[in-house]
Amino acid sequence: MNDLYAAVVHDVANQLAELSLRLSARGDAQKEMATVMNAARRLSEMLLMHRQESEQLSVNPDSVDASDFVTILAAEYRELYPELVIEANIEKAPSMAFFDDALVRAALANSMYNACRVAHSKVKLSAYEQDKMLVLEVADDGPGYPASLLAEGITKPSPVSRRGTGMGLYLASKIAKLHHLNSRHGYVELSNSDAGGAVFRMVLP
């Protein structure tokens, strides 16, 4: 993808985002809005993949209120998927964290979309500290990750379902690793809960 194609993709993604805002204002087009947002998300993933392959993907960490970050993202997906219970768990969220808001938001948005698409009734988005690292977690009550993905890990784009490309998880892993503090680097963990649902964790220093 050359710079001209990248510029066109960026422009189309912006137009889709504008269309989503107009649909949101109508208040009766959640399914259409979700489709538009997914298309915009896929285009954004293409741009990020282009930057990653061109070794131009870098992070610009800044101070972020983790509670606000989680609350706003959960609210966006509540609007897109009103039939689901989408919880924002911020009781143990740190008051301030340092990460690239735009890149981490893109990674979490992909995980939220995947969770909402397969969840039976509930998705939980959480932020908390563990071992002096920030954990951003998305958990659903769907069928869980395939055993093959859990066994192999995220080493390349691997589809989670027949409708997916696996690009989102791969990029999330790359984005996490680009965040570092001294000798500690970020990473992504995938697991299934005791009840069987998928659990995505992005751990950042």
C-alpha atoms as a PDB file:
ATOM      1  CA  MET A   1       0.000   0.000   0.000  1.00  0.00           C
ATOM      2  CA  ASN A   2       1.634   3.275  -1.103  1.00  0.00           C
ATOM      3  CA  ASP A   3       1.061   6.672   0.483  1.00  0.00           C
ATOM      4  CA  LEU A   4      -1.685   7.595  -2.002  1.00  0.00           C
ATOM      5  CA  TYR A   5      -3.690   4.454  -1.189  1.00  0.00           C
ATOM      6  CA  ALA A   6      -3.119   5.062   2.518  1.00  0.00           C
ATOM      7  CA  ALA A   7      -4.458   8.617   2.168  1.00  0.00           C
ATOM      8  CA  VAL A   8      -7.553   7.359   0.338  1.00  0.00           C
ATOM      9  CA  VAL A   9      -8.209   4.692   2.986  1.00  0.00           C
ATOM     10  CA  HIS A  10      -7.850   7.322   5.717  1.00  0.00           C
ATOM     11  CA  ASP A  11     -10.317   9.626   3.937  1.00  0.00           C
ATOM     12  CA  VAL A  12     -12.881   6.854   3.475  1.00  0.00           C
ATOM     13  CA  ALA A  13     -12.542   5.850   7.140  1.00  0.00           C
ATOM     14  CA  ASN A  14     -13.242   9.451   8.159  1.00  0.00           C
ATOM     15  CA  GLN A  15     -16.334   9.568   5.921  1.00  0.00           C
ATOM     16  CA  LEU A  16     -17.615   6.349   7.482  1.00  0.00           C
ATOM     17  CA  ALA A  17     -17.102   7.825  10.938  1.00  0.00           C
ATOM     18  CA  GLU A  18     -19.122  10.872   9.892  1.00  0.00           C
ATOM     19  CA  LEU A  19     -21.893   8.622   8.553  1.00  0.00           C
ATOM     20  CA  SER A  20     -21.931   6.763  11.860  1.00  0.00           C
ATOM     21  CA  LEU A  21     -22.456  10.033  13.741  1.00  0.00           C
ATOM     22  CA  ARG A  22     -25.415  10.888  11.500  1.00  0.00           C
ATOM     23  CA  LEU A  23     -26.938   7.452  12.039  1.00  0.00           C
ATOM     24  CA  SER A  24     -26.440   7.841  15.770  1.00  0.00           C
ATOM     25  CA  ALA A  25     -28.366  11.124  15.690  1.00  0.00           C
ATOM     26  CA  ARG A  26     -31.337   9.292  14.140  1.00  0.00           C
ATOM     27  CA  GLY A  27     -31.557   6.974  17.126  1.00  0.00           C
ATOM     28  CA  ASP A  28     -33.137   4.064  15.218  1.00  0.00           C
ATOM     29  CA  ALA A  29     -30.263   2.597  13.211  1.00  0.00           C
ATOM     30  CA  GLN A  30     -28.057   0.709  15.666  1.00  0.00           C
ATOM     31  CA  LYS A  31     -27.434  -2.257  13.351  1.00  0.00           C
ATOM     32  CA  GLU A  32     -26.554  -0.016  10.436  1.00  0.00           C
ATOM     33  CA  MET A  33     -24.314   2.082  12.695  1.00  0.00           C
ATOM     34  CA  ALA A  34     -22.517  -1.040  13.938  1.00  0.00           C
ATOM     35  CA  THR A  35     -21.907  -2.113  10.323  1.00  0.00           C
ATOM     36  CA  VAL A  36     -20.503   1.295   9.402  1.00  0.00           C
ATOM     37  CA  MET A  37     -18.279   1.411  12.491  1.00  0.00           C
ATOM     38  CA  ASN A  38     -16.947  -2.055  11.733  1.00  0.00           C
ATOM     39  CA  ALA A  39     -16.081  -1.004   8.168  1.00  0.00           C
ATOM     40  CA  ALA A  40     -14.258   2.064   9.511  1.00  0.00           C
ATOM     41  CA  ARG A  41     -12.445  -0.124  12.042  1.00  0.00           C
ATOM     42  CA  ARG A  42     -11.288  -2.520   9.307  1.00  0.00           C
ATOM     43  CA  LEU A  43      -9.914   0.380   7.255  1.00  0.00           C
ATOM     44  CA  SER A  44      -8.089   1.712  10.307  1.00  0.00           C
ATOM     45  CA  GLU A  45      -6.578  -1.730  10.820  1.00  0.00           C
ATOM     46  CA  MET A  46      -5.322  -1.684   7.220  1.00  0.00           C
ATOM     47  CA  LEU A  47      -3.616   1.665   7.840  1.00  0.00           C
ATOM     48  CA  LEU A  48      -2.020   0.428  11.064  1.00  0.00           C
ATOM     49  CA  MET A  49      -0.850  -2.757   9.358  1.00  0.00           C
ATOM     50  CA  HIS A  50       0.691  -0.661   6.581  1.00  0.00           C
ATOM     51  CA  ARG A  51       2.527   1.441   9.157  1.00  0.00           C
ATOM     52  CA  GLN A  52       3.668  -1.673  11.010  1.00  0.00           C
ATOM     53  CA  GLU A  53       4.995  -3.365   7.861  1.00  0.00           C
ATOM     54  CA  SER A  54       6.719  -0.128   6.854  1.00  0.00           C
ATOM     55  CA  GLU A  55       8.271   0.070  10.331  1.00  0.00           C
ATOM     56  CA  GLN A  56       6.496   3.393  10.832  1.00  0.00           C
ATOM     57  CA  LEU A  57       4.261   2.282  13.687  1.00  0.00           C
ATOM     58  CA  SER A  58       5.321   4.023  16.883  1.00  0.00           C
ATOM     59  CA  VAL A  59       3.652   4.987  20.149  1.00  0.00           C
ATOM     60  CA  ASN A  60       3.254   8.445  21.650  1.00  0.00           C
ATOM     61  CA  PRO A  61       2.398   7.825  25.305  1.00  0.00           C
ATOM     62  CA  ASP A  62       0.616  10.498  27.295  1.00  0.00           C
ATOM     63  CA  SER A  63      -1.252  10.655  30.572  1.00  0.00           C
ATOM     64  CA  VAL A  64      -4.690   9.041  30.310  1.00  0.00           C
ATOM     65  CA  ASP A  65      -7.448   8.720  32.894  1.00  0.00           C
ATOM     66  CA  ALA A  66      -7.999   4.950  32.771  1.00  0.00           C
ATOM     67  CA  SER A  67     -11.475   5.229  34.304  1.00  0.00           C
ATOM     68  CA  ASP A  68     -12.638   7.707  31.668  1.00  0.00           C
ATOM     69  CA  PHE A  69     -11.019   5.646  28.910  1.00  0.00           C
ATOM     70  CA  VAL A  70     -12.954   2.512  29.890  1.00  0.00           C
ATOM     71  CA  THR A  71     -16.214   4.336  30.655  1.00  0.00           C
ATOM     72  CA  ILE A  72     -16.313   6.134  27.296  1.00  0.00           C
ATOM     73  CA  LEU A  73     -15.440   3.022  25.273  1.00  0.00           C
ATOM     74  CA  ALA A  74     -18.085   0.961  27.074  1.00  0.00           C
ATOM     75  CA  ALA A  75     -20.682   3.682  26.446  1.00  0.00           C
ATOM     76  CA  GLU A  76     -19.904   3.684  22.720  1.00  0.00           C
ATOM     77  CA  TYR A  77     -20.543  -0.044  22.460  1.00  0.00           C
ATOM     78  CA  ARG A  78     -23.658   0.150  24.621  1.00  0.00           C
ATOM     79  CA  GLU A  79     -25.096   2.446  21.964  1.00  0.00           C
ATOM     80  CA  LEU A  80     -24.080   0.075  19.161  1.00  0.00           C
ATOM     81  CA  TYR A  81     -25.340  -3.074  20.923  1.00  0.00           C
ATOM     82  CA  PRO A  82     -28.310  -2.054  23.121  1.00  0.00           C
ATOM     83  CA  GLU A  83     -29.420  -5.681  23.442  1.00  0.00           C
ATOM     84  CA  LEU A  84     -26.284  -6.538  25.460  1.00  0.00           C
ATOM     85  CA  VAL A  85     -25.317  -5.724  29.031  1.00  0.00           C
ATOM     86  CA  ILE A  86     -21.979  -3.931  28.692  1.00  0.00           C
ATOM     87  CA  GLU A  87     -20.294  -3.241  32.024  1.00  0.00           C
ATOM     88  CA  ALA A  88     -17.437  -0.843  32.752  1.00  0.00           C
ATOM     89  CA  ASN A  89     -15.464  -2.153  35.733  1.00  0.00           C
ATOM     90  CA  ILE A  90     -13.377   0.770  37.008  1.00  0.00           C
ATOM     91  CA  GLU A  91     -13.352   0.166  40.771  1.00  0.00           C
ATOM     92  CA  LYS A  92      -9.655  -0.732  40.720  1.00  0.00           C
ATOM     93  CA  ALA A  93      -8.623   1.471  37.786  1.00  0.00           C
ATOM     94  CA  PRO A  94      -5.563   3.672  38.408  1.00  0.00           C
ATOM     95  CA  SER A  95      -6.293   7.395  38.467  1.00  0.00           C
ATOM     96  CA  MET A  96      -3.660   7.987  35.798  1.00  0.00           C
ATOM     97  CA  ALA A  97      -1.843   5.820  33.263  1.00  0.00           C
ATOM     98  CA  PHE A  98       0.578   6.481  30.396  1.00  0.00           C
ATOM     99  CA  PHE A  99      -0.073   5.008  26.966  1.00  0.00           C
ATOM    100  CA  ASP A 100      -0.897   5.951  23.382  1.00  0.00           C
ATOM    101  CA  ASP A 101      -4.624   6.659  23.642  1.00  0.00           C
ATOM    102  CA  ALA A 102      -5.369   6.385  19.903  1.00  0.00           C
ATOM    103  CA  LEU A 103      -3.519   3.116  19.316  1.00  0.00           C
ATOM    104  CA  VAL A 104      -4.737   1.413  22.482  1.00  0.00           C
ATOM    105  CA  ARG A 105      -8.288   2.594  21.772  1.00  0.00           C
ATOM    106  CA  ALA A 106      -8.078   1.025  18.294  1.00  0.00           C
ATOM    107  CA  ALA A 107      -6.888  -2.268  19.796  1.00  0.00           C
ATOM    108  CA  LEU A 108      -9.582  -2.310  22.491  1.00  0.00           C
ATOM    109  CA  ALA A 109     -12.272  -1.319  19.965  1.00  0.00           C
ATOM    110  CA  ASN A 110     -11.411  -4.388  17.914  1.00  0.00           C
ATOM    111  CA  SER A 111     -11.639  -6.595  20.987  1.00  0.00           C
ATOM    112  CA  MET A 112     -14.940  -5.009  22.022  1.00  0.00           C
ATOM    113  CA  TYR A 113     -16.389  -5.567  18.553  1.00  0.00           C
ATOM    114  CA  ASN A 114     -15.359  -9.229  18.596  1.00  0.00           C
ATOM    115  CA  ALA A 115     -16.792  -9.691  22.099  1.00  0.00           C
ATOM    116  CA  CYS A 116     -20.105  -7.993  21.308  1.00  0.00           C
ATOM    117  CA  ARG A 117     -20.508  -9.997  18.114  1.00  0.00           C
ATOM    118  CA  VAL A 118     -20.283 -13.377  19.888  1.00  0.00           C
ATOM    119  CA  ALA A 119     -21.582 -12.583  23.395  1.00  0.00           C
ATOM    120  CA  HIS A 120     -24.827 -14.196  24.490  1.00  0.00           C
ATOM    121  CA  SER A 121     -25.836 -11.359  26.788  1.00  0.00           C
ATOM    122  CA  LYS A 122     -22.885  -9.674  28.537  1.00  0.00           C
ATOM    123  CA  VAL A 123     -19.519  -8.019  27.923  1.00  0.00           C
ATOM    124  CA  LYS A 124     -17.329  -6.554  30.663  1.00  0.00           C
ATOM    125  CA  LEU A 125     -14.579  -3.989  30.036  1.00  0.00           C
ATOM    126  CA  SER A 126     -12.190  -3.528  32.965  1.00  0.00           C
ATOM    127  CA  ALA A 127      -9.117  -1.540  33.941  1.00  0.00           C
ATOM    128  CA  TYR A 128      -6.947  -2.430  36.941  1.00  0.00           C
ATOM    129  CA  GLU A 129      -3.349  -2.668  38.111  1.00  0.00           C
ATOM    130  CA  GLN A 130      -1.444  -5.920  38.485  1.00  0.00           C
ATOM    131  CA  ASP A 131       2.266  -6.237  39.286  1.00  0.00           C
ATOM    132  CA  LYS A 132       2.677  -2.494  38.648  1.00  0.00           C
ATOM    133  CA  MET A 133       1.271  -2.903  35.148  1.00  0.00           C
ATOM    134  CA  LEU A 134      -1.995  -1.572  33.725  1.00  0.00           C
ATOM    135  CA  VAL A 135      -4.405  -4.283  32.596  1.00  0.00           C
ATOM    136  CA  LEU A 136      -7.187  -3.491  30.120  1.00  0.00           C
ATOM    137  CA  GLU A 137      -9.498  -6.491  29.922  1.00  0.00           C
ATOM    138  CA  VAL A 138     -12.446  -7.428  27.722  1.00  0.00           C
ATOM    139  CA  ALA A 139     -14.459 -10.490  28.790  1.00  0.00           C
ATOM    140  CA  ASP A 140     -17.613 -11.924  27.201  1.00  0.00           C
ATOM    141  CA  ASP A 141     -19.985 -14.813  27.819  1.00  0.00           C
ATOM    142  CA  GLY A 142     -19.697 -16.247  24.311  1.00  0.00           C
ATOM    143  CA  PRO A 143     -18.132 -19.516  23.104  1.00  0.00           C
ATOM    144  CA  GLY A 144     -14.536 -18.497  23.893  1.00  0.00           C
ATOM    145  CA  TYR A 145     -11.356 -18.530  21.828  1.00  0.00           C
ATOM    146  CA  PRO A 146     -10.549 -21.594  19.705  1.00  0.00           C
ATOM    147  CA  ALA A 147      -8.168 -24.015  21.412  1.00  0.00           C
ATOM    148  CA  SER A 148      -5.770 -23.737  18.460  1.00  0.00           C
ATOM    149  CA  LEU A 149      -5.388 -19.964  18.959  1.00  0.00           C
ATOM    150  CA  LEU A 150      -4.773 -20.349  22.689  1.00  0.00           C
ATOM    151  CA  ALA A 151      -2.147 -23.024  22.006  1.00  0.00           C
ATOM    152  CA  GLU A 152      -0.297 -21.150  19.251  1.00  0.00           C
ATOM    153  CA  GLY A 153      -0.509 -17.616  20.625  1.00  0.00           C
ATOM    154  CA  ILE A 154      -0.502 -14.454  18.533  1.00  0.00           C
ATOM    155  CA  THR A 155       2.452 -14.847  16.182  1.00  0.00           C
ATOM    156  CA  LYS A 156       0.668 -13.861  12.962  1.00  0.00           C
ATOM    157  CA  PRO A 157      -2.817 -12.783  11.846  1.00  0.00           C
ATOM    158  CA  SER A 158      -4.976 -15.820  12.649  1.00  0.00           C
ATOM    159  CA  PRO A 159      -8.781 -15.693  12.199  1.00  0.00           C
ATOM    160  CA  VAL A 160     -10.745 -16.217  15.399  1.00  0.00           C
ATOM    161  CA  SER A 161     -13.852 -17.041  13.359  1.00  0.00           C
ATOM    162  CA  ARG A 162     -14.847 -17.590   9.739  1.00  0.00           C
ATOM    163  CA  ARG A 163     -15.806 -13.910   9.484  1.00  0.00           C
ATOM    164  CA  GLY A 164     -12.568 -12.528  10.914  1.00  0.00           C
ATOM    165  CA  THR A 165      -9.036 -11.990   9.629  1.00  0.00           C
ATOM    166  CA  GLY A 166      -7.156 -12.072  12.923  1.00  0.00           C
ATOM    167  CA  MET A 167      -5.523  -8.786  11.949  1.00  0.00           C
ATOM    168  CA  GLY A 168      -6.969  -6.985  14.972  1.00  0.00           C
ATOM    169  CA  LEU A 169      -5.432  -9.342  17.539  1.00  0.00           C
ATOM    170  CA  TYR A 170      -2.089  -9.289  15.716  1.00  0.00           C
ATOM    171  CA  LEU A 171      -2.027  -5.477  15.693  1.00  0.00           C
ATOM    172  CA  ALA A 172      -3.092  -5.345  19.348  1.00  0.00           C
ATOM    173  CA  SER A 173      -0.101  -7.517  20.228  1.00  0.00           C
ATOM    174  CA  LYS A 174       2.234  -5.266  18.242  1.00  0.00           C
ATOM    175  CA  ILE A 175       0.788  -2.118  19.828  1.00  0.00           C
ATOM    176  CA  ALA A 176       1.205  -3.571  23.319  1.00  0.00           C
ATOM    177  CA  LYS A 177       4.847  -4.547  22.670  1.00  0.00           C
ATOM    178  CA  LEU A 178       5.677  -1.033  21.478  1.00  0.00           C
ATOM    179  CA  HIS A 179       4.789   0.260  24.945  1.00  0.00           C
ATOM    180  CA  HIS A 180       7.797  -0.138  27.224  1.00  0.00           C
ATOM    181  CA  LEU A 181       9.225   1.255  30.408  1.00  0.00           C
ATOM    182  CA  ASN A 182      12.839   0.426  31.198  1.00  0.00           C
ATOM    183  CA  SER A 183      13.039  -3.330  30.563  1.00  0.00           C
ATOM    184  CA  ARG A 184       9.297  -4.022  30.729  1.00  0.00           C
ATOM    185  CA  HIS A 185       7.277  -4.330  27.536  1.00  0.00           C
ATOM    186  CA  GLY A 186       3.547  -4.587  27.071  1.00  0.00           C
ATOM    187  CA  TYR A 187       1.871  -7.759  25.872  1.00  0.00           C
ATOM    188  CA  VAL A 188      -1.485  -9.326  25.101  1.00  0.00           C
ATOM    189  CA  GLU A 189      -2.921 -12.381  26.855  1.00  0.00           C
ATOM    190  CA  LEU A 190      -5.786 -14.536  25.574  1.00  0.00           C
ATOM    191  CA  SER A 191      -7.700 -17.033  27.686  1.00  0.00           C
ATOM    192  CA  ASN A 192     -11.123 -18.499  28.282  1.00  0.00           C
ATOM    193  CA  SER A 193     -12.961 -17.972  31.558  1.00  0.00           C
ATOM    194  CA  ASP A 194     -14.174 -20.824  33.751  1.00  0.00           C
ATOM    195  CA  ALA A 195     -17.618 -20.263  32.222  1.00  0.00           C
ATOM    196  CA  GLY A 196     -16.153 -20.571  28.724  1.00  0.00           C
ATOM    197  CA  GLY A 197     -16.213 -16.980  27.461  1.00  0.00           C
ATOM    198  CA  ALA A 198     -13.234 -15.257  25.842  1.00  0.00           C
ATOM    199  CA  VAL A 199     -10.954 -12.998  27.909  1.00  0.00           C
ATOM    200  CA  PHE A 200      -8.667 -10.496  26.167  1.00  0.00           C
ATOM    201  CA  ARG A 201      -6.039  -8.687  28.261  1.00  0.00           C
ATOM    202  CA  MET A 202      -3.724  -5.935  27.145  1.00  0.00           C
ATOM    203  CA  VAL A 203      -1.021  -5.438  29.777  1.00  0.00           C
ATOM    204  CA  LEU A 204       0.955  -2.176  29.627  1.00  0.00           C
ATOM    205  CA  PRO A 205       3.922  -0.963  31.718  1.00  0.00           C
END
